Amino acid sequence: MEAVIGVMLQVLAAIDEGQLSREDREPAVGAVLGAIGIGKQQAATTLAKLKRAKAAPIERAPAA
């Protein structure tokens, strides 16, 4: 499980840094979800929730 978490963190970092194209983001997250046993339907639901969350503005804490 630690390896999967490590891979997920790498995928999320790559997305944050713009290293994954828009076309590659969903398949990458979906593959990680599948690797931890999440079914295709649940993964699709989760990705849909992420799309909606992405549309909402992100509030960042002020730098210290």
Protein backbone atom coordinates (compact mmCIF):
# COMPACT_ATOMS: atom_id res chain seq x y z
CA MET A 1 0.00 0.00 0.00
CA GLU A 2 2.90 2.36 0.69
CA ALA A 3 4.06 1.93 -2.89
CA VAL A 4 0.62 2.88 -4.22
CA ILE A 5 0.55 5.97 -2.02
CA GLY A 6 4.02 6.88 -3.28
CA VAL A 7 2.91 6.49 -6.89
CA MET A 8 -0.22 8.55 -6.23
CA LEU A 9 1.86 11.33 -4.69
CA GLN A 10 4.14 11.28 -7.74
CA VAL A 11 1.14 11.47 -10.09
CA LEU A 12 -0.37 14.35 -8.12
CA ALA A 13 2.97 16.19 -8.06
CA ALA A 14 3.33 15.73 -11.82
CA ILE A 15 -0.17 17.13 -12.34
CA ASP A 16 0.55 20.07 -10.04
CA GLU A 17 3.81 20.84 -11.83
CA GLY A 18 2.19 20.63 -15.27
CA GLN A 19 4.20 17.57 -16.31
CA LEU A 20 1.11 15.61 -17.36
CA SER A 21 -1.03 16.77 -20.25
CA ARG A 22 -4.75 17.26 -19.65
CA GLU A 23 -5.41 14.11 -21.66
CA ASP A 24 -3.12 12.04 -19.41
CA ARG A 25 -4.36 13.23 -16.01
CA GLU A 26 -7.58 11.26 -15.72
CA PRO A 27 -6.12 7.98 -17.03
CA ALA A 28 -3.18 8.32 -14.61
CA VAL A 29 -5.42 8.88 -11.59
CA GLY A 30 -7.79 6.16 -12.80
CA ALA A 31 -4.91 3.69 -13.11
CA VAL A 32 -3.78 4.37 -9.55
CA LEU A 33 -7.34 3.99 -8.27
CA GLY A 34 -7.59 0.68 -10.15
CA ALA A 35 -4.29 -0.48 -8.66
CA ILE A 36 -5.70 -0.16 -5.16
CA GLY A 37 -8.81 -2.11 -6.06
CA ILE A 38 -11.27 0.65 -6.85
CA GLY A 39 -13.71 -0.57 -9.53
CA LYS A 40 -14.12 1.24 -12.84
CA GLN A 41 -17.53 2.65 -11.89
CA GLN A 42 -16.29 4.00 -8.55
CA ALA A 43 -13.17 5.42 -10.22
CA ALA A 44 -15.36 7.17 -12.83
CA THR A 45 -17.53 8.62 -10.04
CA THR A 46 -14.46 9.82 -8.16
CA LEU A 47 -12.97 11.41 -11.28
CA ALA A 48 -16.28 13.17 -11.96
CA LYS A 49 -16.18 14.59 -8.43
CA LEU A 50 -12.63 15.79 -9.05
CA LYS A 51 -13.76 17.56 -12.22
CA ARG A 52 -16.46 19.39 -10.28
CA ALA A 53 -14.00 20.27 -7.51
CA LYS A 54 -11.52 21.52 -10.10
CA ALA A 55 -14.13 23.95 -11.38
CA ALA A 56 -14.40 25.49 -7.91
CA PRO A 57 -11.81 28.12 -6.94
CA ILE A 58 -8.91 26.92 -4.81
CA GLU A 59 -8.30 28.74 -1.57
CA ARG A 60 -4.67 28.76 -0.59
CA ALA A 61 -3.33 29.69 2.81
CA PRO A 62 -1.22 32.85 2.83
CA ALA A 63 2.52 32.29 2.79
CA ALA A 64 4.15 32.54 6.18
